[in-house]
N, C-alpha and C. Protein backbone atom coordinates (compact mmCIF):
# COMPACT_ATOMS: atom_id res chain seq x y z
N UNK A 1 22.68 120.71 23.45
CA UNK A 1 22.33 121.67 24.44
C UNK A 1 20.78 121.35 25.00
N UNK A 2 19.99 120.82 24.04
CA UNK A 2 18.53 120.09 24.19
C UNK A 2 18.52 119.16 25.53
N UNK A 3 19.67 118.33 25.65
CA UNK A 3 19.72 117.39 26.93
C UNK A 3 19.76 118.40 27.91
N UNK A 4 20.59 119.37 28.13
CA UNK A 4 20.74 120.34 29.21
C UNK A 4 19.65 120.93 29.52
N UNK A 5 18.91 121.27 28.46
CA UNK A 5 17.70 122.25 28.69
C UNK A 5 16.76 121.51 29.60
N UNK A 6 16.61 120.00 29.48
CA UNK A 6 15.82 119.39 30.52
C UNK A 6 16.23 119.40 31.88
N UNK A 7 17.54 119.20 31.95
CA UNK A 7 18.16 119.34 33.29
C UNK A 7 18.17 120.77 33.95
N UNK A 8 18.16 121.77 33.20
CA UNK A 8 18.00 123.20 33.65
C UNK A 8 16.60 123.19 34.41
N UNK A 9 15.58 122.76 33.42
CA UNK A 9 14.17 122.92 33.84
C UNK A 9 13.97 122.14 35.24
N UNK A 10 14.37 121.07 35.08
CA UNK A 10 14.19 120.16 36.29
C UNK A 10 14.79 120.79 37.59
N UNK A 11 15.77 121.43 37.58
CA UNK A 11 16.53 121.97 38.72
C UNK A 11 16.36 123.33 39.16
N UNK A 12 15.89 124.16 38.16
CA UNK A 12 15.31 125.46 38.27
C UNK A 12 16.41 126.65 38.65
N UNK A 13 17.54 126.03 39.35
CA UNK A 13 18.56 126.91 39.70
C UNK A 13 19.89 126.57 39.39
N UNK A 14 20.70 127.29 38.67
CA UNK A 14 22.16 126.92 38.59
C UNK A 14 22.96 127.65 39.15
N UNK A 15 23.57 126.99 40.30
CA UNK A 15 24.29 127.88 41.28
C UNK A 15 25.61 128.31 40.50
N UNK A 16 25.83 129.61 40.44
CA UNK A 16 26.95 130.23 39.83
C UNK A 16 28.33 130.41 40.84
N UNK A 17 29.13 129.53 40.48
CA UNK A 17 30.38 129.36 41.62
C UNK A 17 31.61 130.13 41.13
N UNK A 18 32.12 130.74 42.08
CA UNK A 18 33.81 131.42 42.13
C UNK A 18 34.43 130.68 43.03
N UNK A 19 35.44 130.03 42.55
CA UNK A 19 36.35 129.29 43.66
C UNK A 19 37.88 129.80 43.26
N UNK A 20 38.55 129.57 44.49
CA UNK A 20 39.95 130.04 44.30
C UNK A 20 40.76 128.81 44.44
N UNK A 21 40.11 127.74 44.95
CA UNK A 21 40.93 126.28 44.94
C UNK A 21 39.89 125.17 44.71
N UNK A 22 40.57 124.21 44.01
CA UNK A 22 39.88 122.98 43.58
C UNK A 22 39.16 122.47 44.77
N UNK A 23 39.77 122.29 45.86
CA UNK A 23 38.86 121.95 47.26
C UNK A 23 37.59 122.43 47.57
N UNK A 24 37.68 123.91 47.23
CA UNK A 24 36.49 124.65 47.50
C UNK A 24 35.44 124.19 46.60
N UNK A 25 35.57 123.88 45.32
CA UNK A 25 34.62 123.47 44.54
C UNK A 25 34.23 122.08 44.85
N UNK A 26 34.93 120.95 45.28
CA UNK A 26 34.54 119.67 45.58
C UNK A 26 33.76 119.60 46.93
N UNK A 27 34.15 120.68 48.03
CA UNK A 27 33.23 120.73 49.15
C UNK A 27 31.76 121.33 48.70
N UNK A 28 31.68 122.55 47.70
CA UNK A 28 30.38 122.78 47.34
C UNK A 28 29.67 121.75 46.61
N UNK A 29 30.43 120.99 45.82
CA UNK A 29 29.67 119.86 44.96
C UNK A 29 29.10 118.68 45.93
N UNK A 30 29.59 118.65 46.88
CA UNK A 30 29.39 117.79 47.93
C UNK A 30 27.92 118.15 48.59
N UNK A 31 28.05 119.38 49.09
CA UNK A 31 26.86 120.23 49.63
C UNK A 31 25.77 120.10 48.56
N UNK A 32 25.80 120.46 47.28
CA UNK A 32 24.79 120.52 46.35
C UNK A 32 24.28 119.19 46.21
N UNK A 33 25.04 118.05 46.08
CA UNK A 33 24.51 116.72 45.70
C UNK A 33 23.73 116.56 46.98
N UNK A 34 24.25 116.85 48.15
CA UNK A 34 23.44 116.40 49.46
C UNK A 34 22.21 117.03 49.51
N UNK A 35 22.04 118.25 49.22
CA UNK A 35 20.65 118.99 48.97
C UNK A 35 19.84 118.65 47.58
N UNK A 36 20.19 117.70 46.81
CA UNK A 36 19.56 117.24 45.71
C UNK A 36 19.38 118.34 44.54
N UNK A 37 20.65 119.06 44.62
CA UNK A 37 20.87 120.24 43.47
C UNK A 37 22.08 119.94 42.79
N UNK A 38 22.40 118.75 42.20
CA UNK A 38 23.35 118.49 41.55
C UNK A 38 23.95 119.11 40.22
N UNK A 39 23.75 120.31 40.22
CA UNK A 39 24.34 121.12 38.96
C UNK A 39 25.02 122.50 39.58
N UNK A 40 25.97 122.95 38.63
CA UNK A 40 26.60 124.12 39.04
C UNK A 40 27.47 124.62 37.76
N UNK A 41 27.60 125.86 37.99
CA UNK A 41 28.40 126.72 36.93
C UNK A 41 29.68 127.13 37.43
N UNK A 42 30.83 126.80 37.17
CA UNK A 42 32.07 127.34 37.56
C UNK A 42 32.73 128.35 36.57
N UNK A 43 32.76 129.42 37.28
CA UNK A 43 33.03 130.74 36.27
C UNK A 43 34.69 130.81 36.04
N UNK A 44 35.01 131.05 35.04
CA UNK A 44 36.35 131.12 34.73
C UNK A 44 36.97 132.59 35.10
N UNK A 45 36.74 132.92 36.57
CA UNK A 45 37.16 134.17 36.93
C UNK A 45 38.44 133.88 38.06
N UNK A 46 38.90 132.73 37.93
CA UNK A 46 40.14 132.26 38.76
C UNK A 46 40.86 131.30 37.95
N UNK A 47 42.23 130.94 38.19
CA UNK A 47 42.97 130.08 37.57
C UNK A 47 42.53 128.54 37.84
N UNK A 48 41.72 128.47 38.92
CA UNK A 48 41.30 127.17 39.77
C UNK A 48 40.21 126.61 38.66
N UNK A 49 39.36 127.41 37.97
CA UNK A 49 38.29 126.91 37.36
C UNK A 49 38.35 125.50 36.58
N UNK A 50 39.17 125.44 35.79
CA UNK A 50 39.47 124.35 34.99
C UNK A 50 39.71 123.08 35.63
N UNK A 51 40.72 123.27 36.55
CA UNK A 51 40.89 122.05 37.50
C UNK A 51 39.87 121.77 38.23
N UNK A 52 39.13 122.86 38.89
CA UNK A 52 38.01 122.44 39.71
C UNK A 52 36.82 121.58 38.73
N UNK A 53 36.64 122.09 37.55
CA UNK A 53 35.56 121.16 36.85
C UNK A 53 36.14 119.81 36.76
N UNK A 54 37.49 119.61 36.32
CA UNK A 54 37.98 118.36 36.15
C UNK A 54 37.77 117.53 37.33
N UNK A 55 38.03 117.94 38.46
CA UNK A 55 37.99 117.19 39.68
C UNK A 55 36.54 116.77 40.21
N UNK A 56 35.48 117.74 39.75
CA UNK A 56 34.25 117.51 40.09
C UNK A 56 33.72 116.17 39.21
N UNK A 57 34.17 116.56 37.97
CA UNK A 57 33.73 115.40 36.96
C UNK A 57 34.17 114.00 37.35
N UNK A 58 35.35 114.03 37.99
CA UNK A 58 35.80 112.58 38.52
C UNK A 58 35.18 112.15 39.90
N UNK A 59 35.09 113.11 40.72
CA UNK A 59 34.54 112.70 42.19
C UNK A 59 33.06 112.70 42.14
N UNK A 60 32.31 113.52 41.28
CA UNK A 60 30.98 113.49 41.25
C UNK A 60 30.30 113.31 39.86
N UNK A 61 30.60 112.10 39.26
CA UNK A 61 30.25 111.91 37.76
C UNK A 61 28.66 112.05 37.41
N UNK A 62 27.98 112.07 38.35
CA UNK A 62 26.62 112.29 38.04
C UNK A 62 26.13 113.62 38.13
N UNK A 63 26.83 114.58 38.69
CA UNK A 63 26.73 115.90 38.66
C UNK A 63 27.00 116.75 37.46
N UNK A 64 26.05 117.75 36.97
CA UNK A 64 26.10 118.50 35.73
C UNK A 64 26.97 119.70 36.25
N UNK A 65 28.18 119.82 35.47
CA UNK A 65 28.95 120.99 35.85
C UNK A 65 29.41 121.66 34.56
N UNK A 66 29.00 122.99 34.42
CA UNK A 66 29.38 123.93 33.31
C UNK A 66 30.27 124.72 33.58
N UNK A 67 30.68 125.65 32.62
CA UNK A 67 31.77 126.54 32.57
C UNK A 67 31.19 127.94 32.22
N UNK A 68 31.60 128.97 33.19
CA UNK A 68 30.92 130.12 32.67
C UNK A 68 32.08 131.26 32.75
N UNK A 69 31.53 132.52 32.48
CA UNK A 69 32.36 133.70 32.03
C UNK A 69 33.54 133.15 31.07
N UNK A 70 32.96 132.62 29.93
CA UNK A 70 33.73 132.34 28.86
C UNK A 70 33.92 133.55 27.81
N UNK A 71 35.26 134.34 27.90
CA UNK A 71 35.08 135.59 27.24
C UNK A 71 36.21 135.55 26.14
N UNK A 72 37.05 134.42 26.16
CA UNK A 72 38.16 134.32 25.24
C UNK A 72 38.19 133.02 24.63
N UNK A 73 38.94 132.79 23.66
CA UNK A 73 39.24 131.56 22.85
C UNK A 73 39.77 130.64 23.74
N UNK A 74 40.79 130.99 24.67
CA UNK A 74 41.55 130.28 25.65
C UNK A 74 40.67 129.91 26.54
N UNK A 75 39.72 130.47 27.04
CA UNK A 75 38.91 130.08 28.33
C UNK A 75 38.04 128.91 27.61
N UNK A 76 37.42 129.15 26.52
CA UNK A 76 36.53 128.05 25.72
C UNK A 76 37.44 126.87 25.46
N UNK A 77 38.66 126.71 25.04
CA UNK A 77 39.45 125.76 25.08
C UNK A 77 39.78 124.94 26.23
N UNK A 78 39.92 125.75 27.39
CA UNK A 78 40.02 125.11 28.98
C UNK A 78 39.11 124.73 29.20
N UNK A 79 37.68 125.24 29.03
CA UNK A 79 36.47 124.74 29.47
C UNK A 79 36.12 123.42 28.73
N UNK A 80 36.38 123.31 27.54
CA UNK A 80 36.32 121.93 26.82
C UNK A 80 37.15 120.86 27.25
N UNK A 81 38.46 121.11 27.48
CA UNK A 81 39.53 120.20 28.00
C UNK A 81 39.17 119.84 29.41
N UNK A 82 38.49 120.56 30.18
CA UNK A 82 37.95 120.16 31.54
C UNK A 82 36.95 119.17 31.72
N UNK A 83 36.35 119.21 30.43
CA UNK A 83 35.14 118.00 30.53
C UNK A 83 33.66 118.96 30.97
N UNK A 84 33.60 120.05 30.78
CA UNK A 84 32.53 120.82 31.12
C UNK A 84 31.33 120.33 30.29
N UNK A 85 30.27 120.43 30.97
CA UNK A 85 28.92 119.97 29.93
C UNK A 85 28.26 121.06 29.32
N UNK A 86 28.24 122.09 29.96
CA UNK A 86 27.74 123.22 29.25
C UNK A 86 28.63 124.57 29.43
N UNK A 87 28.38 125.65 28.33
CA UNK A 87 29.18 126.48 28.25
C UNK A 87 28.39 128.12 28.22
N UNK A 88 28.90 128.92 28.97
CA UNK A 88 28.21 130.09 29.41
C UNK A 88 29.04 131.31 29.11
N UNK A 89 28.61 132.30 28.54
CA UNK A 89 29.32 133.76 28.39
C UNK A 89 28.70 134.73 28.85
N UNK A 90 29.18 135.75 29.46
CA UNK A 90 28.34 136.89 30.15
C UNK A 90 27.79 137.77 29.04
N UNK A 91 28.35 137.80 27.75
CA UNK A 91 27.83 138.61 26.81
C UNK A 91 27.83 137.85 25.39
N UNK A 92 27.44 138.51 24.34
CA UNK A 92 27.45 137.87 23.07
C UNK A 92 28.41 138.34 22.08
N UNK A 93 29.40 137.57 21.93
CA UNK A 93 30.78 137.93 21.22
C UNK A 93 30.72 136.94 19.94
N UNK A 94 30.34 137.50 18.62
CA UNK A 94 30.26 136.45 17.43
C UNK A 94 31.38 135.57 17.48
N UNK A 95 32.68 136.16 17.66
CA UNK A 95 33.61 135.46 17.45
C UNK A 95 33.83 134.22 18.22
N UNK A 96 33.58 134.43 19.56
CA UNK A 96 33.45 133.41 20.62
C UNK A 96 32.60 132.35 20.48
N UNK A 97 31.38 132.67 20.07
CA UNK A 97 30.30 131.72 19.73
C UNK A 97 30.51 131.03 18.40
N UNK A 98 31.26 131.58 17.48
CA UNK A 98 31.71 130.82 16.22
C UNK A 98 32.93 129.93 16.62
N UNK A 99 33.67 130.35 17.56
CA UNK A 99 34.87 129.33 17.95
C UNK A 99 34.37 128.18 18.63
N UNK A 100 33.53 128.42 19.64
CA UNK A 100 32.87 127.35 20.43
C UNK A 100 32.09 126.31 19.28
N UNK A 101 31.30 126.93 18.40
CA UNK A 101 30.67 126.10 17.38
C UNK A 101 31.75 125.16 16.61
N UNK A 102 32.78 125.86 16.29
CA UNK A 102 33.72 125.14 15.57
C UNK A 102 34.45 124.02 16.14
N UNK A 103 34.18 123.87 17.58
CA UNK A 103 34.69 122.68 18.31
C UNK A 103 33.49 121.83 18.94
N UNK A 104 32.24 122.09 18.07
CA UNK A 104 31.31 121.28 18.50
C UNK A 104 30.36 121.69 19.57
N UNK A 105 30.45 123.02 20.16
CA UNK A 105 29.93 123.21 21.44
C UNK A 105 29.02 124.70 21.21
N UNK A 106 27.74 124.47 21.58
CA UNK A 106 26.85 125.56 21.65
C UNK A 106 26.88 126.47 22.83
N UNK A 107 27.46 127.74 22.80
CA UNK A 107 27.61 128.38 23.86
C UNK A 107 26.24 129.11 24.36
N UNK A 108 26.08 129.39 25.53
CA UNK A 108 24.88 130.28 26.10
C UNK A 108 25.34 131.54 26.33
N UNK A 109 25.15 132.36 25.19
CA UNK A 109 25.83 133.60 25.37
C UNK A 109 24.79 134.70 26.32
N UNK A 110 25.36 135.69 26.86
CA UNK A 110 24.52 136.60 27.45
C UNK A 110 23.87 137.69 26.58
N UNK A 111 22.71 138.08 26.79
CA UNK A 111 21.90 139.07 26.14
C UNK A 111 21.27 139.93 27.18
N UNK A 112 21.10 141.25 26.57
CA UNK A 112 20.37 142.27 27.42
C UNK A 112 19.20 143.09 26.81
N UNK A 113 19.01 142.85 25.49
CA UNK A 113 18.35 143.64 24.61
C UNK A 113 17.82 142.91 23.41
N UNK A 114 16.72 143.22 22.53
CA UNK A 114 16.52 142.82 21.40
C UNK A 114 17.29 142.58 20.43
N UNK A 115 18.23 143.52 20.27
CA UNK A 115 19.30 143.30 19.21
C UNK A 115 20.15 142.18 19.48
N UNK A 116 20.81 141.97 20.49
CA UNK A 116 21.66 140.81 20.88
C UNK A 116 20.74 139.52 20.79
N UNK A 117 19.56 139.41 21.25
CA UNK A 117 18.80 138.27 21.05
C UNK A 117 18.73 137.91 19.58
N UNK A 118 18.47 138.80 18.48
CA UNK A 118 18.35 138.45 17.12
C UNK A 118 19.81 138.12 16.59
N UNK A 119 20.80 138.71 16.98
CA UNK A 119 22.06 138.18 16.80
C UNK A 119 22.21 136.79 17.06
N UNK A 120 21.97 136.48 18.26
CA UNK A 120 21.99 135.10 18.68
C UNK A 120 21.21 134.25 17.83
N UNK A 121 20.09 134.61 17.49
CA UNK A 121 19.20 133.76 16.52
C UNK A 121 19.84 133.55 15.32
N UNK A 122 20.68 134.32 14.75
CA UNK A 122 21.29 134.20 13.56
C UNK A 122 22.28 133.02 13.57
N UNK A 123 22.53 132.69 14.84
CA UNK A 123 23.68 131.42 15.08
C UNK A 123 22.65 130.31 15.51
N UNK A 124 21.43 130.35 15.30
CA UNK A 124 20.32 129.20 15.78
C UNK A 124 20.59 128.90 17.24
N UNK A 125 20.85 129.98 18.04
CA UNK A 125 20.91 129.75 19.68
C UNK A 125 19.62 129.90 20.03
N UNK A 126 19.04 128.94 20.70
CA UNK A 126 17.65 129.14 21.28
C UNK A 126 17.57 129.18 22.79
N UNK A 127 18.73 129.10 23.32
CA UNK A 127 18.74 129.52 24.78
C UNK A 127 19.77 130.25 25.11
N UNK A 128 19.38 131.41 25.90
CA UNK A 128 20.32 132.56 26.06
C UNK A 128 20.43 133.03 27.57
N UNK A 129 21.21 133.50 27.84
CA UNK A 129 21.41 133.90 29.22
C UNK A 129 20.97 135.56 29.23
N UNK A 130 19.98 135.68 30.21
CA UNK A 130 19.69 137.07 30.27
C UNK A 130 20.39 137.85 31.43
N UNK A 131 21.32 138.67 31.03
CA UNK A 131 22.34 139.27 31.87
C UNK A 131 22.72 140.64 31.57
N UNK A 132 22.76 141.59 32.75
CA UNK A 132 22.36 141.15 34.12
C UNK A 132 20.91 141.48 34.39
N UNK A 133 20.02 140.61 34.71
CA UNK A 133 18.71 140.27 34.71
C UNK A 133 18.14 141.73 35.49
N UNK A 134 18.64 141.80 36.49
CA UNK A 134 17.82 142.77 37.54
C UNK A 134 18.28 144.45 37.14
N UNK A 135 19.30 144.41 36.24
CA UNK A 135 19.68 145.76 35.82
C UNK A 135 19.36 145.87 34.18
N UNK A 136 18.89 145.05 33.73
CA UNK A 136 18.74 144.97 32.23
C UNK A 136 17.08 144.91 31.73
N UNK A 137 16.31 145.22 32.90
CA UNK A 137 14.78 145.34 32.75
C UNK A 137 13.98 144.21 33.49
N UNK A 138 14.69 143.40 34.14
CA UNK A 138 13.92 142.32 34.99
C UNK A 138 12.90 141.51 34.31
N UNK A 139 11.89 141.22 34.97
CA UNK A 139 10.90 140.28 34.40
C UNK A 139 10.01 140.87 33.31
N UNK A 140 10.07 142.30 33.44
CA UNK A 140 9.33 143.09 32.23
C UNK A 140 9.87 143.04 31.15
N UNK A 141 11.33 142.85 30.83
CA UNK A 141 11.84 142.76 29.48
C UNK A 141 11.71 141.46 29.14
N UNK A 142 11.87 140.29 29.94
CA UNK A 142 11.44 138.96 29.67
C UNK A 142 10.10 138.79 29.02
N UNK A 143 9.08 139.64 29.57
CA UNK A 143 7.71 139.30 29.21
C UNK A 143 7.71 140.08 27.65
N UNK A 144 8.38 141.12 27.35
CA UNK A 144 8.47 141.67 26.09
C UNK A 144 9.18 140.69 25.10
N UNK A 145 10.10 140.04 25.57
CA UNK A 145 10.79 139.15 24.79
C UNK A 145 9.94 137.96 24.34
N UNK A 146 9.11 137.47 25.21
CA UNK A 146 8.20 136.47 24.97
C UNK A 146 7.11 136.56 23.69
N UNK A 147 6.77 137.82 23.71
CA UNK A 147 5.48 138.11 22.60
C UNK A 147 6.25 137.99 21.15
N UNK A 148 7.59 138.64 20.94
CA UNK A 148 8.17 138.57 19.71
C UNK A 148 9.29 137.52 19.43
N UNK A 149 9.79 136.70 20.53
CA UNK A 149 10.76 135.81 20.37
C UNK A 149 10.22 134.44 20.82
N UNK A 150 9.02 133.74 20.65
CA UNK A 150 8.54 132.87 21.17
C UNK A 150 9.18 131.64 21.21
N UNK A 151 10.22 131.25 20.44
CA UNK A 151 11.03 129.97 20.39
C UNK A 151 12.25 130.04 21.20
N UNK A 152 12.55 131.18 21.71
CA UNK A 152 13.77 131.59 22.46
C UNK A 152 13.52 131.35 24.13
N UNK A 153 14.53 130.56 24.86
CA UNK A 153 14.20 130.60 26.19
C UNK A 153 15.32 131.17 26.81
N UNK A 154 15.58 131.64 27.94
CA UNK A 154 16.37 132.36 28.85
C UNK A 154 16.66 132.03 30.30
N UNK A 155 18.00 132.06 30.73
CA UNK A 155 18.46 131.85 31.80
C UNK A 155 18.76 133.22 32.60
N UNK A 156 17.94 133.90 33.34
CA UNK A 156 18.19 134.94 33.89
C UNK A 156 19.26 134.79 34.96
N UNK A 157 20.18 135.88 34.83
CA UNK A 157 21.36 135.59 35.95
C UNK A 157 21.50 137.17 36.20
N UNK A 158 22.19 137.59 37.54
CA UNK A 158 22.55 138.98 37.81
C UNK A 158 21.50 139.57 38.61
N UNK A 159 21.72 139.39 39.90
CA UNK A 159 20.79 139.99 40.98
C UNK A 159 19.74 139.13 41.38
N UNK A 160 19.57 137.76 40.90
CA UNK A 160 18.80 137.04 41.33
C UNK A 160 18.90 136.22 42.73
N UNK A 161 17.76 136.48 43.52
CA UNK A 161 18.04 136.00 44.84
C UNK A 161 16.68 135.12 45.49
N UNK A 162 16.80 134.71 46.55
CA UNK A 162 15.50 134.10 47.15
C UNK A 162 14.27 135.04 47.16
N UNK A 163 14.48 136.34 47.12
CA UNK A 163 13.33 137.29 47.05
C UNK A 163 12.66 137.38 45.70
N UNK A 164 13.37 136.96 44.62
CA UNK A 164 12.92 137.31 43.42
C UNK A 164 12.77 136.25 42.42
N UNK A 165 13.53 135.18 42.65
CA UNK A 165 13.51 134.05 41.72
C UNK A 165 12.30 133.45 41.24
N UNK A 166 11.33 133.24 42.33
CA UNK A 166 9.99 132.76 41.78
C UNK A 166 9.24 133.65 40.68
N UNK A 167 9.60 135.03 40.59
CA UNK A 167 8.90 135.94 39.63
C UNK A 167 9.48 135.62 38.35
N UNK A 168 10.65 135.23 38.33
CA UNK A 168 11.39 134.88 37.03
C UNK A 168 10.86 133.55 36.72
N UNK A 169 10.88 132.56 37.52
CA UNK A 169 10.56 131.05 37.17
C UNK A 169 9.06 131.04 36.64
N UNK A 170 8.29 132.08 36.97
CA UNK A 170 6.86 131.89 36.63
C UNK A 170 6.48 132.20 35.22
N UNK A 171 7.68 132.89 34.44
CA UNK A 171 7.60 133.24 33.21
C UNK A 171 7.70 132.00 32.22
N UNK A 172 6.79 132.04 31.17
CA UNK A 172 7.09 130.81 30.34
C UNK A 172 8.18 130.78 29.38
N UNK A 173 9.06 131.82 29.20
CA UNK A 173 10.28 131.73 28.70
C UNK A 173 11.22 131.51 29.36
N UNK A 174 11.38 131.18 30.63
CA UNK A 174 12.48 131.23 31.51
C UNK A 174 12.63 129.58 31.73
N UNK A 175 13.64 128.97 31.64
CA UNK A 175 13.99 127.80 31.74
C UNK A 175 14.37 127.47 33.32
N UNK A 176 15.42 128.41 33.88
CA UNK A 176 15.74 128.25 35.23
C UNK A 176 16.65 129.60 35.35
N UNK A 177 17.10 129.83 36.52
CA UNK A 177 17.83 131.03 36.86
C UNK A 177 19.08 130.66 37.31
N UNK A 178 20.07 131.40 36.88
CA UNK A 178 21.51 131.31 37.50
C UNK A 178 21.57 132.32 38.78
N UNK A 179 22.23 131.68 39.96
CA UNK A 179 22.31 132.64 41.05
C UNK A 179 23.60 132.08 41.79
N UNK A 180 24.21 133.31 42.51
CA UNK A 180 25.25 133.06 43.42
C UNK A 180 25.06 133.28 44.83
N UNK A 181 23.81 133.65 45.10
CA UNK A 181 23.51 133.81 46.61
C UNK A 181 23.62 132.81 47.35
N UNK A 182 23.31 131.68 46.83
CA UNK A 182 23.17 130.25 47.72
C UNK A 182 24.63 129.50 47.64
N UNK A 183 25.51 130.18 46.92
CA UNK A 183 26.93 129.53 47.10
C UNK A 183 27.88 130.84 47.21
N UNK A 184 27.61 131.69 48.06
CA UNK A 184 28.29 133.12 48.36
C UNK A 184 29.80 132.97 48.19
N UNK A 185 30.55 133.60 47.28
CA UNK A 185 31.85 133.52 47.33
C UNK A 185 32.64 133.79 48.52
N UNK A 186 32.10 135.01 49.41
CA UNK A 186 32.63 135.24 50.74
C UNK A 186 32.51 133.96 51.64
N UNK A 187 31.42 133.50 51.66
CA UNK A 187 31.24 132.18 52.60
C UNK A 187 32.04 130.96 52.05
N UNK A 188 32.45 130.92 50.79
CA UNK A 188 32.97 129.83 50.36
C UNK A 188 34.73 130.29 50.65
N UNK A 189 35.29 131.45 50.67
CA UNK A 189 36.39 131.82 50.89
C UNK A 189 36.70 131.80 52.48
N UNK A 190 35.70 131.88 53.29
CA UNK A 190 35.83 131.67 54.79
C UNK A 190 35.54 130.46 55.07
N UNK A 191 35.32 129.50 54.17
CA UNK A 191 34.99 128.09 54.57
C UNK A 191 33.77 128.09 55.63
N UNK A 192 32.57 128.69 55.46
CA UNK A 192 31.52 128.62 56.21
C UNK A 192 30.54 127.58 55.71
N UNK A 193 31.07 126.26 55.76
CA UNK A 193 30.19 125.22 54.96
C UNK A 193 28.99 125.24 55.54
N UNK A 194 28.67 125.43 56.83
CA UNK A 194 27.34 125.01 57.47
C UNK A 194 26.44 126.06 57.10
N UNK A 195 26.86 127.46 56.89
CA UNK A 195 26.15 128.52 56.56
C UNK A 195 25.63 128.16 55.04
N UNK A 196 26.77 127.86 54.06
CA UNK A 196 26.37 127.63 52.83
C UNK A 196 25.39 126.31 52.68
N UNK A 197 25.47 125.25 53.59
CA UNK A 197 24.53 124.16 53.60
C UNK A 197 23.12 124.71 53.69
N UNK A 198 22.76 125.54 54.63
CA UNK A 198 21.59 126.14 54.95
C UNK A 198 20.97 126.93 53.70
N UNK A 199 21.78 127.84 53.02
CA UNK A 199 21.57 128.56 51.78
C UNK A 199 20.98 127.56 51.00
N UNK A 200 22.10 126.61 50.43
CA UNK A 200 21.64 125.75 49.47
C UNK A 200 20.25 124.94 49.76
N UNK A 201 20.07 124.49 50.98
CA UNK A 201 18.86 123.86 51.43
C UNK A 201 17.64 124.71 51.24
N UNK A 202 17.78 125.80 51.64
CA UNK A 202 16.46 126.84 51.51
C UNK A 202 16.34 127.04 49.92
N UNK A 203 17.36 127.41 49.13
CA UNK A 203 16.97 127.66 47.77
C UNK A 203 16.46 126.48 47.11
N UNK A 204 16.88 125.27 47.33
CA UNK A 204 16.27 124.29 46.72
C UNK A 204 15.05 123.75 47.20
N UNK A 205 14.53 124.13 48.55
CA UNK A 205 13.13 123.88 49.00
C UNK A 205 12.38 124.95 48.45
N UNK A 206 12.92 126.35 48.20
CA UNK A 206 11.97 127.31 47.52
C UNK A 206 11.42 127.02 46.13
N UNK A 207 12.35 126.46 45.40
CA UNK A 207 12.00 126.30 44.04
C UNK A 207 11.48 124.81 43.84
N UNK A 208 11.65 124.04 44.83
CA UNK A 208 11.41 122.56 44.71
C UNK A 208 9.63 122.48 44.32
């Protein structure tokens, strides 16, 4: 995961993507690469997720693509089989963390309070998803985490947008942020590719 930590720090945003068809993922990947943001997290919220990751790996070999919303052993196995580079869960489930570790993968679990951070620390996990960020204390909670968990870094996700992302990125314990606003599921469904291009371009410029 250390290798990906450098990638996360470099790009500052992980576009969190929901797709219903593989072609949608490929089109988004093309737009992200075009705007110099070659990274995405495809969530396992649809049957197309694993196939979409596999297709992107083939068509865009230099793109960093991870798997999100991993809540079951089956989803972890499918993510591994798809060739995903990193693995993210919305919550902290010790059994899922252990299952991923048994397959040689460090999960990035979601946490929202000190108790969950400390449980994750028991598994030597030093990179965690802070979720849902805007509902779980915002930047104030992360500032509190920084003083008591100095070796732990976070990826805030949930409610992140163009208006608040810079506030999160200014914190020393934040590597990057996960965001779906720049890859809006509705715009993807409606195939509004030009609107998506503008959102991605503006987001990349904002944090660049």
